[in-house]
Amino acid sequence: MTTVIKRKPSMFLKELREYYSDVWKLPKSEYLKNPDFLVVDQKTGKKARVSFVVLDDGETVSVVYDEMS
């Protein structure tokens, strides 16, 4: 189930980059078909889909997101 976060997407992605070394903009990624987060800016309506790429052992290796629309 996708979690909706009501924040400015650019700030959310900037904070993710502080904690994760691999943050990739991959709009057509298979991981974004069922994203972990949908970040929505309440003022502008812009949104971004964000997913964590996790290995079989549960270790998070990277984060992917699409363009803000």
C-alpha atoms as a PDB file:
ATOM      1  CA  MET A   1       0.000   0.000   0.000  1.00  0.00           C
ATOM      2  CA  THR A   2       1.322   3.416  -0.994  1.00  0.00           C
ATOM      3  CA  THR A   3       1.763   6.002   1.751  1.00  0.00           C
ATOM      4  CA  VAL A   4       0.846   9.602   0.869  1.00  0.00           C
ATOM      5  CA  ILE A   5       3.086  12.281   2.339  1.00  0.00           C
ATOM      6  CA  LYS A   6       1.933  15.881   2.105  1.00  0.00           C
ATOM      7  CA  ARG A   7       5.198  17.794   1.742  1.00  0.00           C
ATOM      8  CA  LYS A   8       7.160  19.614  -0.876  1.00  0.00           C
ATOM      9  CA  PRO A   9       8.601  16.793  -3.071  1.00  0.00           C
ATOM     10  CA  SER A  10      11.910  18.557  -3.774  1.00  0.00           C
ATOM     11  CA  MET A  11      12.617  18.952  -0.035  1.00  0.00           C
ATOM     12  CA  PHE A  12      11.637  15.340   0.642  1.00  0.00           C
ATOM     13  CA  LEU A  13      14.031  14.092  -2.047  1.00  0.00           C
ATOM     14  CA  LYS A  14      16.804  16.362  -0.782  1.00  0.00           C
ATOM     15  CA  GLU A  15      16.440  14.845   2.699  1.00  0.00           C
ATOM     16  CA  LEU A  16      16.508  11.319   1.239  1.00  0.00           C
ATOM     17  CA  ARG A  17      19.837  12.122  -0.438  1.00  0.00           C
ATOM     18  CA  GLU A  18      21.278  12.992   2.990  1.00  0.00           C
ATOM     19  CA  TYR A  19      20.547   9.487   4.305  1.00  0.00           C
ATOM     20  CA  TYR A  20      20.920   7.304   1.190  1.00  0.00           C
ATOM     21  CA  SER A  21      23.892   7.437  -1.154  1.00  0.00           C
ATOM     22  CA  ASP A  22      22.031   6.037  -4.175  1.00  0.00           C
ATOM     23  CA  VAL A  23      18.987   8.140  -5.109  1.00  0.00           C
ATOM     24  CA  TRP A  24      18.043   7.817  -8.771  1.00  0.00           C
ATOM     25  CA  LYS A  25      15.552   9.550 -11.018  1.00  0.00           C
ATOM     26  CA  LEU A  26      14.164   6.641 -13.067  1.00  0.00           C
ATOM     27  CA  PRO A  27      10.668   7.567 -14.315  1.00  0.00           C
ATOM     28  CA  LYS A  28      10.037   4.277 -16.140  1.00  0.00           C
ATOM     29  CA  SER A  29      11.338   1.985 -13.400  1.00  0.00           C
ATOM     30  CA  GLU A  30       9.420  -1.189 -12.593  1.00  0.00           C
ATOM     31  CA  TYR A  31       9.789  -0.277  -8.898  1.00  0.00           C
ATOM     32  CA  LEU A  32       7.515   2.745  -9.400  1.00  0.00           C
ATOM     33  CA  LYS A  33       4.522   0.742 -10.602  1.00  0.00           C
ATOM     34  CA  ASN A  34       3.620   0.209  -6.942  1.00  0.00           C
ATOM     35  CA  PRO A  35       5.546   2.987  -5.110  1.00  0.00           C
ATOM     36  CA  ASP A  36       6.265   3.057  -1.388  1.00  0.00           C
ATOM     37  CA  PHE A  37       5.487   6.785  -1.139  1.00  0.00           C
ATOM     38  CA  LEU A  38       3.516   9.369  -3.074  1.00  0.00           C
ATOM     39  CA  VAL A  39       4.787  12.812  -2.060  1.00  0.00           C
ATOM     40  CA  VAL A  40       2.275  15.594  -2.750  1.00  0.00           C
ATOM     41  CA  ASP A  41       2.826  19.342  -2.414  1.00  0.00           C
ATOM     42  CA  GLN A  42      -0.448  20.753  -1.068  1.00  0.00           C
ATOM     43  CA  LYS A  43       0.127  24.236  -2.517  1.00  0.00           C
ATOM     44  CA  THR A  44       1.115  23.390  -6.096  1.00  0.00           C
ATOM     45  CA  GLY A  45      -0.305  19.890  -6.501  1.00  0.00           C
ATOM     46  CA  LYS A  46       3.065  18.577  -7.712  1.00  0.00           C
ATOM     47  CA  LYS A  47       3.741  14.987  -6.803  1.00  0.00           C
ATOM     48  CA  ALA A  48       6.498  12.399  -7.019  1.00  0.00           C
ATOM     49  CA  ARG A  49       6.457   8.615  -6.661  1.00  0.00           C
ATOM     50  CA  VAL A  50       9.244   7.181  -4.503  1.00  0.00           C
ATOM     51  CA  SER A  51      10.272   3.539  -4.004  1.00  0.00           C
ATOM     52  CA  PHE A  52      13.012   1.841  -2.020  1.00  0.00           C
ATOM     53  CA  VAL A  53      14.997  -0.898  -3.762  1.00  0.00           C
ATOM     54  CA  VAL A  54      15.529  -3.669  -1.237  1.00  0.00           C
ATOM     55  CA  LEU A  55      17.640  -6.837  -1.524  1.00  0.00           C
ATOM     56  CA  ASP A  56      16.327 -10.269  -0.518  1.00  0.00           C
ATOM     57  CA  ASP A  57      18.014  -9.956   2.886  1.00  0.00           C
ATOM     58  CA  GLY A  58      16.111  -6.731   3.604  1.00  0.00           C
ATOM     59  CA  GLU A  59      18.981  -4.306   3.039  1.00  0.00           C
ATOM     60  CA  THR A  60      17.991  -1.075   1.277  1.00  0.00           C
ATOM     61  CA  VAL A  61      20.411  -0.421  -1.555  1.00  0.00           C
ATOM     62  CA  SER A  62      18.910   2.569  -3.331  1.00  0.00           C
ATOM     63  CA  VAL A  63      15.933   4.848  -3.802  1.00  0.00           C
ATOM     64  CA  VAL A  64      14.198   5.547  -7.139  1.00  0.00           C
ATOM     65  CA  TYR A  65      11.750   8.328  -7.965  1.00  0.00           C
ATOM     66  CA  ASP A  66      10.000   9.771 -10.985  1.00  0.00           C
ATOM     67  CA  GLU A  67       9.680  13.319 -12.224  1.00  0.00           C
ATOM     68  CA  MET A  68       7.589  15.718 -10.239  1.00  0.00           C
ATOM     69  CA  SER A  69       4.381  16.374 -12.094  1.00  0.00           C
END
